[in-house]
Amino acid sequence: TPAPEPVESSHKATPVAQRIAAQHQVDLSQVRAGDGGKVKKADVEQFINQQKAPQTNVATQQSAKQAEPPEFLLQTDDSRKEERIRMSRRRQTIAKRLIEAQSTAAMLTTFNEIDMHAVMEFRQRHKETFKEKFGVSLGLSSFFVKATIGALKAFPYLNAEIQDREIVLKRYYDIGIAIGAEEGLVVPVLRDADRLSFGEIEKQIREFAKQSQEGTLAIESLIGGTFTITNGGVYGSLLSTPILNPPQVGILGLHGIKERPVVINGEIVIRPMMYVALTYDHRIVDGREAVQFLVRVKDLIEDPEKLLLEG
């Protein structure tokens, strides 16, 4: 059907249409006629509504923009940029091993807390003599390495790994020390840590940290390990659940030291307390052993003189 033509003069519009057009100052020549070629009332009203609609929409949009708070304005493209960064080889290895740990072990974590008062006093008493003798500061790491070895000797299934259908108990103690680096976590190993003195442990850990930051850690330093210690407390962690370092079946997580009220001999006192966590492979380590392992670590740290007997 051909489109209706515009009306050229008022004699082609009905009287009612002419009156409405006059009231609204509508030029009838701009109104398209409907059936029969005459402009009728409905045609004029439709024309008037069409002319008003766009103006109303614009006014409504402007009003909405003015009422909208600045913080809800749509962000520009510049504020929504994305950046793709290729994972380093170290990060890829870390990701692969974390997935491996999650998919191959029956991981479970148990917790305890340690009163750090005695060991901190011990450090304070001996720090000057220790530094003069060994050339490094006496930190907490060596205490926990020694305490861990003492606990591993009492609960050897945490110093083991699973190979096919066999459990391999390690009769040596290669303790991995998790160290944060720019490209990700690394775990250099203290070989035969049970034979190392406090000073030798502190020296090796300090050297590992230095080499990690410089990117000069030898690959041999990262291979093996029978058990791992990680310390999230240096970053402010209060509590966490560490992930196993396969094929190991145990990892000890240390955390921040916070002063908290505790009850000792029926009295409330303020003590520097640390939460510790043991994640273990439940396939070969039972909950009883895991809990007793942490209790043994706790006992040794709270009575540091005992650690001297551990070598």
Protein backbone atom coordinates (compact mmCIF):
# COMPACT_ATOMS: atom_id res chain seq x y z
CA THR A 1 0.00 0.00 0.00
CA PRO A 2 1.48 3.40 -0.99
CA ALA A 3 2.22 5.79 1.90
CA PRO A 4 -0.40 8.56 2.40
CA GLU A 5 0.57 11.96 1.06
CA PRO A 6 0.92 15.13 3.19
CA VAL A 7 -2.04 17.44 3.21
CA GLU A 8 -1.36 20.55 1.15
CA SER A 9 -4.30 22.67 2.36
CA SER A 10 -6.85 22.79 5.09
CA HIS A 11 -9.77 21.86 2.81
CA LYS A 12 -8.44 18.26 2.85
CA ALA A 13 -8.91 18.05 6.65
CA THR A 14 -12.11 17.55 8.59
CA PRO A 15 -13.42 20.52 10.61
CA VAL A 16 -12.55 18.78 13.90
CA ALA A 17 -9.02 18.08 12.68
CA GLN A 18 -8.66 21.71 11.60
CA ARG A 19 -9.81 22.98 15.02
CA ILE A 20 -7.38 20.72 16.96
CA ALA A 21 -4.57 21.68 14.59
CA ALA A 22 -5.26 25.35 15.20
CA GLN A 23 -5.31 24.89 18.97
CA HIS A 24 -1.92 23.19 18.92
CA GLN A 25 -0.43 25.31 16.16
CA VAL A 26 0.03 22.30 13.91
CA ASP A 27 0.78 22.82 10.21
CA LEU A 28 -1.71 20.50 8.52
CA SER A 29 0.54 20.23 5.51
CA GLN A 30 2.92 18.18 7.74
CA VAL A 31 0.20 15.75 8.79
CA ARG A 32 -0.25 12.62 6.72
CA ALA A 33 -3.81 11.76 5.84
CA GLY A 34 -5.31 8.41 6.62
CA ASP A 35 -7.81 6.46 4.59
CA GLY A 36 -9.76 8.52 2.07
CA GLY A 37 -7.08 11.17 1.70
CA LYS A 38 -8.50 13.45 4.40
CA VAL A 39 -6.79 14.37 7.64
CA LYS A 40 -8.95 13.37 10.52
CA LYS A 41 -8.91 14.04 14.25
CA ALA A 42 -6.96 10.85 14.96
CA ASP A 43 -4.28 11.82 12.43
CA VAL A 44 -3.71 15.18 14.08
CA GLU A 45 -3.60 13.68 17.58
CA GLN A 46 -1.11 11.06 16.46
CA PHE A 47 1.08 13.77 14.92
CA ILE A 48 0.96 15.84 18.12
CA ASN A 49 1.92 12.79 20.29
CA GLN A 50 4.81 11.92 18.01
CA GLN A 51 6.17 15.45 18.29
CA LYS A 52 6.00 15.40 22.11
CA ALA A 53 7.51 11.93 22.70
CA PRO A 54 11.16 12.62 21.79
CA GLN A 55 11.21 15.84 23.81
CA THR A 56 9.83 14.00 26.85
CA ASN A 57 12.44 11.25 26.56
CA VAL A 58 15.28 13.74 26.29
CA ALA A 59 14.02 15.72 29.28
CA THR A 60 13.65 12.53 31.32
CA GLN A 61 17.18 11.37 30.48
CA GLN A 62 18.67 14.76 31.35
CA SER A 63 16.79 14.82 34.64
CA ALA A 64 18.02 11.32 35.49
CA LYS A 65 21.63 12.24 34.73
CA GLN A 66 21.42 15.31 36.97
CA ALA A 67 19.91 13.31 39.83
CA GLU A 68 22.49 10.48 39.57
CA PRO A 69 25.37 10.82 42.06
CA PRO A 70 28.82 11.13 40.46
CA GLU A 71 30.06 7.88 42.00
CA PHE A 72 27.43 5.90 40.11
CA LEU A 73 28.32 7.31 36.72
CA LEU A 74 29.44 4.71 34.22
CA GLN A 75 33.18 4.19 34.22
CA THR A 76 35.15 5.06 31.16
CA ASP A 77 37.06 2.46 29.19
CA ASP A 78 40.36 3.73 30.63
CA SER A 79 39.33 2.68 34.14
CA ARG A 80 38.50 -0.90 33.12
CA LYS A 81 41.75 -2.03 31.60
CA GLU A 82 42.94 -5.63 31.75
CA GLU A 83 46.48 -6.91 31.63
CA ARG A 84 47.68 -10.38 30.72
CA ILE A 85 50.89 -11.57 32.38
CA ARG A 86 52.54 -14.82 31.42
CA MET A 87 53.17 -17.04 34.43
CA SER A 88 56.85 -17.54 35.21
CA ARG A 89 58.24 -21.06 35.12
CA ARG A 90 58.50 -21.02 38.91
CA ARG A 91 54.86 -19.96 39.27
CA GLN A 92 53.78 -22.67 36.83
CA THR A 93 55.68 -25.26 38.87
CA ILE A 94 54.11 -24.00 42.10
CA ALA A 95 50.62 -24.17 40.58
CA LYS A 96 51.22 -27.70 39.29
CA ARG A 97 52.47 -28.96 42.66
CA LEU A 98 49.59 -27.37 44.58
CA ILE A 99 47.07 -29.10 42.33
CA GLU A 100 49.03 -32.32 42.72
CA ALA A 101 48.87 -32.04 46.50
CA GLN A 102 45.11 -31.45 46.45
CA SER A 103 44.42 -34.38 44.13
CA THR A 104 46.78 -37.05 45.53
CA ALA A 105 46.64 -36.67 49.32
CA ALA A 106 43.87 -36.91 51.90
CA MET A 107 44.79 -33.64 53.59
CA LEU A 108 43.57 -32.74 57.04
CA THR A 109 44.74 -29.98 59.42
CA THR A 110 44.89 -29.91 63.20
CA PHE A 111 45.74 -26.92 65.41
CA ASN A 112 47.27 -26.02 68.74
CA GLU A 113 48.68 -22.92 70.44
CA ILE A 114 52.06 -22.33 72.02
CA ASP A 115 53.05 -20.00 74.84
CA MET A 116 56.19 -18.31 73.44
CA HIS A 117 57.16 -16.66 76.74
CA ALA A 118 59.93 -19.10 77.71
CA VAL A 119 61.60 -19.29 74.29
CA MET A 120 61.54 -15.51 73.88
CA GLU A 121 63.18 -15.08 77.29
CA PHE A 122 65.76 -17.72 76.35
CA ARG A 123 66.60 -15.79 73.17
CA GLN A 124 66.89 -12.55 75.11
CA ARG A 125 69.35 -14.09 77.58
CA HIS A 126 71.59 -15.67 74.96
CA LYS A 127 71.29 -13.42 71.89
CA GLU A 128 74.53 -11.49 72.42
CA THR A 129 76.64 -14.56 73.10
CA PHE A 130 75.02 -16.41 70.20
CA LYS A 131 75.73 -13.62 67.72
CA GLU A 132 79.34 -13.32 68.83
CA LYS A 133 79.86 -17.06 68.39
CA PHE A 134 77.98 -17.70 65.15
CA GLY A 135 77.81 -14.29 63.49
CA VAL A 136 74.02 -14.43 63.06
CA SER A 137 71.03 -13.55 65.22
CA LEU A 138 69.23 -16.25 67.17
CA GLY A 139 65.80 -16.44 65.58
CA LEU A 140 62.80 -18.63 66.20
CA SER A 141 63.39 -20.81 63.15
CA SER A 142 66.13 -22.90 64.72
CA PHE A 143 63.96 -23.63 67.77
CA PHE A 144 61.11 -24.88 65.60
CA VAL A 145 63.44 -26.95 63.41
CA LYS A 146 64.81 -28.67 66.51
CA ALA A 147 61.35 -29.10 68.04
CA THR A 148 60.02 -30.53 64.77
CA ILE A 149 62.82 -33.08 64.58
CA GLY A 150 62.13 -34.11 68.17
CA ALA A 151 58.45 -34.64 67.29
CA LEU A 152 59.29 -36.51 64.06
CA LYS A 153 61.46 -38.93 65.99
CA ALA A 154 58.50 -39.65 68.26
CA PHE A 155 56.03 -39.93 65.33
CA PRO A 156 58.01 -41.28 62.35
CA TYR A 157 55.00 -41.68 60.04
CA LEU A 158 55.04 -37.90 59.57
CA ASN A 159 58.58 -38.21 58.18
CA ALA A 160 57.59 -40.53 55.37
CA GLU A 161 56.08 -40.83 51.92
CA ILE A 162 53.85 -43.24 50.03
CA GLN A 163 55.27 -45.16 47.08
CA ASP A 164 52.70 -47.38 45.36
CA ARG A 165 51.41 -49.63 48.15
CA GLU A 166 54.31 -49.07 50.50
CA ILE A 167 55.09 -46.52 53.20
CA VAL A 168 58.69 -45.34 53.10
CA LEU A 169 59.84 -44.17 56.54
CA LYS A 170 62.76 -41.75 56.35
CA ARG A 171 65.38 -42.29 59.03
CA TYR A 172 67.01 -38.97 58.22
CA TYR A 173 65.66 -35.46 58.65
CA ASP A 174 65.83 -33.13 55.64
CA ILE A 175 63.66 -30.19 56.70
CA GLY A 176 62.28 -27.87 54.02
CA ILE A 177 62.01 -24.19 54.97
CA ALA A 178 59.37 -22.33 52.94
CA ILE A 179 60.65 -18.89 51.91
CA GLY A 180 58.68 -16.21 50.09
CA ALA A 181 60.29 -14.69 47.00
CA GLU A 182 59.20 -12.21 44.35
CA GLU A 183 58.30 -14.96 41.87
CA GLY A 184 56.67 -17.23 44.44
CA LEU A 185 57.34 -19.61 47.30
CA VAL A 186 60.49 -21.74 47.35
CA VAL A 187 61.38 -24.53 49.78
CA PRO A 188 65.13 -25.01 50.19
CA VAL A 189 66.13 -27.99 52.30
CA LEU A 190 68.24 -28.25 55.44
CA ARG A 191 70.04 -31.58 54.88
CA ASP A 192 70.47 -33.78 57.96
CA ALA A 193 69.04 -30.99 60.09
CA ASP A 194 69.23 -33.19 63.19
CA ARG A 195 73.03 -32.96 62.99
CA LEU A 196 73.10 -29.17 62.67
CA SER A 197 73.62 -26.79 65.58
CA PHE A 198 71.33 -23.84 66.24
CA GLY A 199 73.94 -21.56 64.71
CA GLU A 200 74.33 -23.68 61.56
CA ILE A 201 70.56 -23.76 61.08
CA GLU A 202 70.25 -19.98 61.40
CA LYS A 203 73.17 -19.44 58.99
CA GLN A 204 71.74 -21.75 56.34
CA ILE A 205 68.25 -20.26 56.54
CA ARG A 206 69.68 -16.74 56.26
CA GLU A 207 71.72 -17.78 53.23
CA PHE A 208 68.69 -19.46 51.64
CA ALA A 209 66.67 -16.24 52.06
CA LYS A 210 69.45 -14.17 50.50
CA GLN A 211 69.86 -16.52 47.52
CA SER A 212 66.10 -16.62 47.03
CA GLN A 213 65.89 -12.84 46.73
CA GLU A 214 68.86 -12.79 44.37
CA GLY A 215 67.54 -15.68 42.31
CA THR A 216 70.71 -17.71 42.87
CA LEU A 217 69.30 -20.72 44.73
CA ALA A 218 70.84 -23.91 43.35
CA ILE A 219 68.35 -26.50 42.12
CA GLU A 220 70.02 -29.02 44.41
CA SER A 221 68.87 -26.96 47.39
CA LEU A 222 65.23 -27.41 46.39
CA ILE A 223 65.23 -31.16 45.76
CA GLY A 224 64.00 -33.66 48.32
CA GLY A 225 62.95 -32.86 51.85
CA THR A 226 61.17 -35.14 54.28
CA PHE A 227 59.05 -32.52 56.08
CA THR A 228 58.36 -28.79 55.63
CA ILE A 229 58.00 -25.79 57.94
CA THR A 230 56.25 -22.64 56.69
CA ASN A 231 55.85 -19.38 58.59
CA GLY A 232 52.94 -17.17 57.56
CA GLY A 233 53.47 -15.13 60.70
CA VAL A 234 56.19 -13.07 59.02
CA TYR A 235 53.44 -11.67 56.77
CA GLY A 236 50.96 -11.14 59.61
CA SER A 237 48.98 -14.38 59.38
CA LEU A 238 47.17 -15.34 62.57
CA LEU A 239 45.94 -18.75 61.41
CA SER A 240 46.06 -20.76 58.20
CA THR A 241 45.93 -24.30 56.80
CA PRO A 242 49.18 -25.03 54.94
CA ILE A 243 49.16 -27.31 51.89
CA LEU A 244 51.37 -30.38 51.71
CA ASN A 245 54.56 -30.37 49.68
CA PRO A 246 54.31 -33.70 47.78
CA PRO A 247 55.39 -36.42 48.27
CA GLN A 248 55.77 -35.37 51.92
CA VAL A 249 52.97 -36.25 54.30
CA GLY A 250 53.34 -33.41 56.81
CA ILE A 251 53.85 -29.65 56.97
CA LEU A 252 53.99 -27.42 60.05
CA GLY A 253 52.52 -23.93 59.79
CA LEU A 254 53.72 -21.18 62.13
CA HIS A 255 51.87 -17.91 62.66
CA GLY A 256 52.09 -14.48 64.23
CA ILE A 257 52.82 -14.04 67.93
CA LYS A 258 50.05 -12.12 69.69
CA GLU A 259 49.68 -11.20 73.34
CA ARG A 260 46.52 -12.81 74.69
CA PRO A 261 45.06 -13.52 78.12
CA VAL A 262 45.56 -17.14 79.20
CA VAL A 263 44.92 -19.02 82.42
CA ILE A 264 48.04 -20.37 84.16
CA ASN A 265 47.75 -22.04 87.57
CA GLY A 266 44.28 -20.59 87.98
CA GLU A 267 45.31 -17.01 87.22
CA ILE A 268 44.73 -14.90 84.11
CA VAL A 269 47.99 -13.61 82.66
CA ILE A 270 49.02 -12.00 79.39
CA ARG A 271 51.34 -14.18 77.32
CA PRO A 272 52.77 -14.06 73.79
CA MET A 273 50.85 -16.83 72.05
CA MET A 274 51.25 -18.46 68.64
CA TYR A 275 48.82 -20.72 66.80
CA VAL A 276 50.45 -23.65 65.02
CA ALA A 277 48.90 -25.88 62.38
CA LEU A 278 49.84 -29.33 61.14
CA THR A 279 48.51 -30.46 57.78
CA TYR A 280 49.00 -34.18 57.24
CA ASP A 281 48.13 -36.97 54.84
CA HIS A 282 45.34 -38.87 56.53
CA ARG A 283 46.06 -41.94 54.39
CA ILE A 284 48.95 -42.92 56.66
CA VAL A 285 48.72 -40.51 59.62
CA ASP A 286 45.86 -40.81 62.07
CA GLY A 287 44.36 -37.88 63.92
CA ARG A 288 45.73 -39.14 67.24
CA GLU A 289 49.30 -39.08 65.94
CA ALA A 290 48.84 -35.64 64.38
CA VAL A 291 47.51 -34.13 67.60
CA GLN A 292 50.26 -35.72 69.68
CA PHE A 293 52.88 -34.48 67.23
CA LEU A 294 51.74 -30.87 67.78
CA VAL A 295 51.63 -31.43 71.55
CA ARG A 296 55.24 -32.61 71.41
CA VAL A 297 56.28 -29.50 69.44
CA LYS A 298 54.41 -27.34 71.94
CA ASP A 299 56.12 -28.99 74.94
CA LEU A 300 59.59 -28.53 73.47
CA ILE A 301 59.07 -24.87 72.55
CA GLU A 302 57.54 -24.03 75.94
CA ASP A 303 60.56 -25.64 77.66
CA PRO A 304 63.46 -24.69 75.37
CA GLU A 305 66.05 -26.26 77.68
CA LYS A 306 64.73 -29.62 76.47
CA LEU A 307 65.75 -28.72 72.93
CA LEU A 308 69.40 -28.87 73.95
CA LEU A 309 68.86 -32.57 74.60
CA GLU A 310 67.49 -32.95 71.06
CA GLY A 311 70.91 -31.99 69.71
